[in-house]
Amino acid sequence: MMQITVTFDVITPTQIEQTISYYNQHKSDDWNRLEKNEVAEGGFCIALKPEEITRMSYTINDSIKQVRWHQKRLVGGKYGKSLNDAETQLLYEALCSVFDGDCVKIQN
């Protein structure tokens, strides 16, 4: 699973919106939109398509793919489904479009 790390300390609401805007403008037409993850840690999420939801009774974590901020990393998987590699790559590109490329790294 690919993981994004950053060196900056703060991401402003404007920078979050710029990141989301870039992602959504460049995503494949058949992908759902990236949104701000409204959790204490912050992060990003993508709503799952109905056929991707595997449980009949679910919490919000069961209905989205998500990554959350943890120690300057966007971490997925702990709370449910994570972004796939293509989605993570595009999120990395979106962050690089907002921040200096030296501030954002991606690794396998």
N, C-alpha and C. Protein backbone atom coordinates (compact mmCIF):
# COMPACT_ATOMS: atom_id res chain seq x y z
N MET A 1 0.85 -1.18 0.00
CA MET A 1 0.00 0.00 0.00
C MET A 1 0.89 1.24 0.00
N MET A 2 0.59 2.18 -0.85
CA MET A 2 1.36 3.42 -0.94
C MET A 2 0.98 4.34 0.22
N GLN A 3 1.95 5.15 0.66
CA GLN A 3 1.70 6.06 1.77
C GLN A 3 2.33 7.42 1.48
N ILE A 4 1.59 8.47 1.83
CA ILE A 4 2.05 9.85 1.63
C ILE A 4 2.56 10.39 2.96
N THR A 5 3.74 11.00 2.93
CA THR A 5 4.29 11.69 4.10
C THR A 5 4.57 13.13 3.71
N VAL A 6 4.52 14.02 4.70
CA VAL A 6 4.74 15.45 4.45
C VAL A 6 5.72 16.00 5.47
N THR A 7 6.30 17.17 5.15
CA THR A 7 7.19 17.83 6.10
C THR A 7 6.57 19.09 6.69
N PHE A 8 5.46 19.55 6.14
CA PHE A 8 4.84 20.77 6.67
C PHE A 8 4.09 20.44 7.96
N ASP A 9 3.88 21.47 8.78
CA ASP A 9 3.22 21.29 10.08
C ASP A 9 1.73 21.57 10.04
N VAL A 10 1.29 22.42 9.12
CA VAL A 10 -0.11 22.86 9.09
C VAL A 10 -0.62 22.81 7.65
N ILE A 11 -1.86 22.36 7.50
CA ILE A 11 -2.56 22.46 6.22
C ILE A 11 -3.81 23.30 6.48
N THR A 12 -3.92 24.40 5.78
CA THR A 12 -5.02 25.35 6.01
C THR A 12 -6.29 24.88 5.29
N PRO A 13 -7.44 25.41 5.68
CA PRO A 13 -8.67 25.08 4.95
C PRO A 13 -8.57 25.39 3.45
N THR A 14 -7.92 26.48 3.11
CA THR A 14 -7.75 26.83 1.69
C THR A 14 -6.91 25.78 0.98
N GLN A 15 -5.84 25.33 1.61
CA GLN A 15 -4.98 24.31 1.01
C GLN A 15 -5.71 22.97 0.88
N ILE A 16 -6.55 22.65 1.84
CA ILE A 16 -7.36 21.44 1.75
C ILE A 16 -8.28 21.53 0.54
N GLU A 17 -8.95 22.67 0.38
CA GLU A 17 -9.87 22.85 -0.75
C GLU A 17 -9.13 22.82 -2.08
N GLN A 18 -7.93 23.41 -2.15
CA GLN A 18 -7.13 23.38 -3.38
C GLN A 18 -6.73 21.95 -3.72
N THR A 19 -6.36 21.17 -2.71
CA THR A 19 -5.99 19.77 -2.92
C THR A 19 -7.18 18.98 -3.45
N ILE A 20 -8.32 19.15 -2.83
CA ILE A 20 -9.54 18.44 -3.24
C ILE A 20 -9.94 18.86 -4.66
N SER A 21 -9.86 20.14 -4.95
CA SER A 21 -10.22 20.64 -6.28
C SER A 21 -9.32 20.03 -7.35
N TYR A 22 -8.01 20.02 -7.12
CA TYR A 22 -7.08 19.44 -8.08
C TYR A 22 -7.42 17.96 -8.31
N TYR A 23 -7.59 17.23 -7.23
CA TYR A 23 -7.89 15.80 -7.32
C TYR A 23 -9.15 15.58 -8.16
N ASN A 24 -10.21 16.29 -7.83
CA ASN A 24 -11.49 16.07 -8.51
C ASN A 24 -11.47 16.51 -9.97
N GLN A 25 -10.64 17.48 -10.32
CA GLN A 25 -10.51 17.90 -11.71
C GLN A 25 -9.73 16.89 -12.54
N HIS A 26 -8.85 16.12 -11.90
CA HIS A 26 -7.97 15.21 -12.62
C HIS A 26 -8.33 13.73 -12.47
N LYS A 27 -9.32 13.41 -11.66
CA LYS A 27 -9.69 12.01 -11.43
C LYS A 27 -10.37 11.42 -12.66
N SER A 28 -10.39 10.12 -12.73
CA SER A 28 -11.12 9.42 -13.77
C SER A 28 -12.62 9.69 -13.60
N ASP A 29 -13.33 9.76 -14.71
CA ASP A 29 -14.77 10.06 -14.66
C ASP A 29 -15.57 9.03 -13.86
N ASP A 30 -15.08 7.79 -13.80
CA ASP A 30 -15.83 6.76 -13.09
C ASP A 30 -15.46 6.65 -11.61
N TRP A 31 -14.58 7.53 -11.12
CA TRP A 31 -14.23 7.56 -9.69
C TRP A 31 -15.17 8.51 -8.96
N ASN A 32 -15.46 8.20 -7.71
CA ASN A 32 -16.20 9.14 -6.87
C ASN A 32 -15.28 10.28 -6.46
N ARG A 33 -15.89 11.36 -6.01
CA ARG A 33 -15.16 12.59 -5.67
C ARG A 33 -14.43 12.46 -4.33
N LEU A 34 -13.28 13.12 -4.25
CA LEU A 34 -12.55 13.25 -2.99
C LEU A 34 -13.21 14.33 -2.16
N GLU A 35 -13.28 14.11 -0.85
CA GLU A 35 -13.86 15.08 0.06
C GLU A 35 -12.98 15.20 1.30
N LYS A 36 -13.20 16.25 2.06
CA LYS A 36 -12.53 16.41 3.34
C LYS A 36 -13.13 15.39 4.30
N ASN A 37 -12.27 14.69 5.04
CA ASN A 37 -12.74 13.74 6.05
C ASN A 37 -12.98 14.50 7.34
N GLU A 38 -14.21 14.57 7.76
CA GLU A 38 -14.61 15.36 8.93
C GLU A 38 -14.39 14.59 10.23
N VAL A 39 -13.14 14.22 10.48
CA VAL A 39 -12.77 13.53 11.72
C VAL A 39 -11.77 14.39 12.46
N ALA A 40 -11.55 14.10 13.73
CA ALA A 40 -10.65 14.91 14.55
C ALA A 40 -9.25 15.01 13.95
N GLU A 41 -8.75 13.93 13.38
CA GLU A 41 -7.40 13.91 12.83
C GLU A 41 -7.30 14.68 11.51
N GLY A 42 -8.43 14.83 10.84
CA GLY A 42 -8.42 15.40 9.50
C GLY A 42 -8.02 14.34 8.50
N GLY A 43 -8.06 14.68 7.24
CA GLY A 43 -7.70 13.74 6.19
C GLY A 43 -8.65 13.89 5.02
N PHE A 44 -8.73 12.84 4.21
CA PHE A 44 -9.53 12.85 3.00
C PHE A 44 -10.32 11.55 2.89
N CYS A 45 -11.44 11.61 2.19
CA CYS A 45 -12.25 10.41 2.01
C CYS A 45 -12.94 10.43 0.65
N ILE A 46 -13.34 9.23 0.24
CA ILE A 46 -14.08 9.03 -1.01
C ILE A 46 -15.23 8.09 -0.68
N ALA A 47 -16.44 8.49 -1.02
CA ALA A 47 -17.61 7.63 -0.78
C ALA A 47 -17.49 6.37 -1.63
N LEU A 48 -17.83 5.24 -1.02
CA LEU A 48 -17.86 3.99 -1.77
C LEU A 48 -19.11 3.95 -2.64
N LYS A 49 -19.01 3.24 -3.75
CA LYS A 49 -20.19 2.99 -4.58
C LYS A 49 -21.03 1.94 -3.87
N PRO A 50 -22.34 1.95 -4.07
CA PRO A 50 -23.21 1.00 -3.35
C PRO A 50 -22.73 -0.46 -3.46
N GLU A 51 -22.25 -0.86 -4.61
CA GLU A 51 -21.81 -2.25 -4.79
C GLU A 51 -20.51 -2.55 -4.03
N GLU A 52 -19.79 -1.51 -3.58
CA GLU A 52 -18.55 -1.71 -2.83
C GLU A 52 -18.80 -1.87 -1.32
N ILE A 53 -19.98 -1.50 -0.86
CA ILE A 53 -20.30 -1.61 0.56
C ILE A 53 -20.69 -3.06 0.85
N THR A 54 -19.96 -3.69 1.75
CA THR A 54 -20.12 -5.13 1.96
C THR A 54 -20.99 -5.50 3.15
N ARG A 55 -21.37 -4.55 3.98
CA ARG A 55 -22.16 -4.86 5.16
C ARG A 55 -23.56 -4.27 5.02
N MET A 56 -24.53 -5.00 5.52
CA MET A 56 -25.91 -4.50 5.49
C MET A 56 -26.11 -3.37 6.49
N SER A 57 -25.54 -3.53 7.67
CA SER A 57 -25.61 -2.51 8.71
C SER A 57 -24.21 -1.95 8.86
N TYR A 58 -24.07 -0.65 8.71
CA TYR A 58 -22.72 -0.11 8.71
C TYR A 58 -22.65 1.26 9.36
N THR A 59 -21.43 1.62 9.73
CA THR A 59 -21.14 2.97 10.21
C THR A 59 -20.60 3.76 9.03
N ILE A 60 -20.36 5.03 9.23
CA ILE A 60 -19.80 5.87 8.17
C ILE A 60 -18.47 5.30 7.68
N ASN A 61 -17.68 4.70 8.58
CA ASN A 61 -16.39 4.13 8.18
C ASN A 61 -16.53 2.98 7.19
N ASP A 62 -17.69 2.33 7.17
CA ASP A 62 -17.93 1.23 6.24
C ASP A 62 -18.39 1.72 4.87
N SER A 63 -18.68 3.01 4.75
CA SER A 63 -19.23 3.53 3.49
C SER A 63 -18.27 4.45 2.74
N ILE A 64 -17.03 4.57 3.25
CA ILE A 64 -16.04 5.43 2.60
C ILE A 64 -14.67 4.76 2.58
N LYS A 65 -13.85 5.18 1.62
CA LYS A 65 -12.42 4.92 1.66
C LYS A 65 -11.83 6.16 2.31
N GLN A 66 -10.78 6.00 3.13
CA GLN A 66 -10.28 7.18 3.81
C GLN A 66 -8.81 7.06 4.17
N VAL A 67 -8.19 8.23 4.30
CA VAL A 67 -6.87 8.37 4.90
C VAL A 67 -6.97 9.50 5.92
N ARG A 68 -6.27 9.30 7.04
CA ARG A 68 -6.29 10.29 8.11
C ARG A 68 -4.86 10.70 8.44
N TRP A 69 -4.71 11.94 8.91
CA TRP A 69 -3.39 12.43 9.30
C TRP A 69 -2.94 11.76 10.60
N HIS A 70 -1.70 11.28 10.62
CA HIS A 70 -1.07 10.74 11.83
C HIS A 70 0.44 10.95 11.69
N GLN A 71 0.99 11.80 12.54
CA GLN A 71 2.43 12.08 12.56
C GLN A 71 2.97 12.40 11.16
N LYS A 72 2.32 13.35 10.51
CA LYS A 72 2.71 13.86 9.19
C LYS A 72 2.62 12.80 8.09
N ARG A 73 1.75 11.82 8.30
CA ARG A 73 1.50 10.79 7.29
C ARG A 73 0.00 10.68 7.08
N LEU A 74 -0.39 10.36 5.86
CA LEU A 74 -1.80 10.04 5.59
C LEU A 74 -1.93 8.52 5.69
N VAL A 75 -2.61 8.07 6.73
CA VAL A 75 -2.68 6.65 7.07
C VAL A 75 -4.08 6.12 6.75
N GLY A 76 -4.13 4.98 6.13
CA GLY A 76 -5.41 4.34 5.85
C GLY A 76 -5.43 2.94 6.41
N GLY A 77 -6.59 2.32 6.34
CA GLY A 77 -6.71 0.93 6.74
C GLY A 77 -7.12 0.68 8.18
N LYS A 78 -6.72 1.54 9.09
CA LYS A 78 -7.03 1.32 10.50
C LYS A 78 -8.53 1.46 10.78
N TYR A 79 -9.19 2.33 10.05
CA TYR A 79 -10.60 2.63 10.31
C TYR A 79 -11.54 2.06 9.26
N GLY A 80 -11.02 1.32 8.33
CA GLY A 80 -11.84 0.78 7.25
C GLY A 80 -11.02 0.73 5.98
N LYS A 81 -11.68 0.89 4.85
CA LYS A 81 -10.99 0.81 3.56
C LYS A 81 -10.12 2.04 3.34
N SER A 82 -8.99 1.79 2.70
CA SER A 82 -8.07 2.86 2.35
C SER A 82 -8.20 3.17 0.86
N LEU A 83 -7.62 4.27 0.44
CA LEU A 83 -7.56 4.59 -0.97
C LEU A 83 -6.70 3.55 -1.69
N ASN A 84 -7.03 3.26 -2.94
CA ASN A 84 -6.18 2.34 -3.70
C ASN A 84 -4.95 3.09 -4.20
N ASP A 85 -4.03 2.38 -4.84
CA ASP A 85 -2.77 3.00 -5.26
C ASP A 85 -2.97 4.13 -6.26
N ALA A 86 -3.89 3.98 -7.20
CA ALA A 86 -4.13 5.03 -8.19
C ALA A 86 -4.71 6.28 -7.53
N GLU A 87 -5.62 6.09 -6.59
CA GLU A 87 -6.20 7.22 -5.86
C GLU A 87 -5.15 7.90 -4.99
N THR A 88 -4.30 7.10 -4.35
CA THR A 88 -3.22 7.65 -3.52
C THR A 88 -2.23 8.44 -4.37
N GLN A 89 -1.90 7.92 -5.55
CA GLN A 89 -0.98 8.61 -6.45
C GLN A 89 -1.55 9.97 -6.87
N LEU A 90 -2.83 10.01 -7.20
CA LEU A 90 -3.45 11.28 -7.59
C LEU A 90 -3.53 12.24 -6.41
N LEU A 91 -3.80 11.73 -5.21
CA LEU A 91 -3.80 12.59 -4.02
C LEU A 91 -2.41 13.17 -3.79
N TYR A 92 -1.39 12.37 -4.00
CA TYR A 92 0.00 12.85 -3.90
C TYR A 92 0.23 13.99 -4.90
N GLU A 93 -0.18 13.79 -6.13
CA GLU A 93 -0.01 14.83 -7.16
C GLU A 93 -0.78 16.09 -6.78
N ALA A 94 -1.97 15.92 -6.21
CA ALA A 94 -2.78 17.06 -5.79
C ALA A 94 -2.07 17.84 -4.68
N LEU A 95 -1.52 17.13 -3.71
CA LEU A 95 -0.78 17.79 -2.62
C LEU A 95 0.46 18.50 -3.17
N CYS A 96 1.15 17.87 -4.11
CA CYS A 96 2.33 18.50 -4.72
C CYS A 96 1.96 19.75 -5.50
N SER A 97 0.75 19.81 -6.04
CA SER A 97 0.32 21.00 -6.78
C SER A 97 0.07 22.18 -5.84
N VAL A 98 -0.19 21.89 -4.57
CA VAL A 98 -0.48 22.93 -3.58
C VAL A 98 0.78 23.28 -2.78
N PHE A 99 1.57 22.27 -2.46
CA PHE A 99 2.78 22.46 -1.66
C PHE A 99 4.01 22.22 -2.54
N ASP A 100 5.13 22.72 -2.11
CA ASP A 100 6.40 22.44 -2.76
C ASP A 100 6.58 20.92 -2.81
N GLY A 101 6.96 20.41 -3.96
CA GLY A 101 7.16 18.97 -4.12
C GLY A 101 8.12 18.37 -3.13
N ASP A 102 9.06 19.17 -2.61
CA ASP A 102 10.00 18.67 -1.61
C ASP A 102 9.32 18.43 -0.26
N CYS A 103 8.13 18.98 -0.07
CA CYS A 103 7.40 18.85 1.20
C CYS A 103 6.52 17.61 1.24
N VAL A 104 6.35 16.94 0.11
CA VAL A 104 5.44 15.80 0.02
C VAL A 104 6.18 14.63 -0.62
N LYS A 105 6.09 13.46 0.01
CA LYS A 105 6.74 12.25 -0.50
C LYS A 105 5.73 11.12 -0.55
N ILE A 106 5.98 10.19 -1.46
CA ILE A 106 5.14 8.99 -1.54
C ILE A 106 6.06 7.79 -1.55
N GLN A 107 5.63 6.74 -0.85
CA GLN A 107 6.45 5.53 -0.80
C GLN A 107 5.55 4.30 -0.77
N ASN A 108 6.11 3.19 -1.23
CA ASN A 108 5.38 1.91 -1.21
C ASN A 108 5.54 1.24 0.12
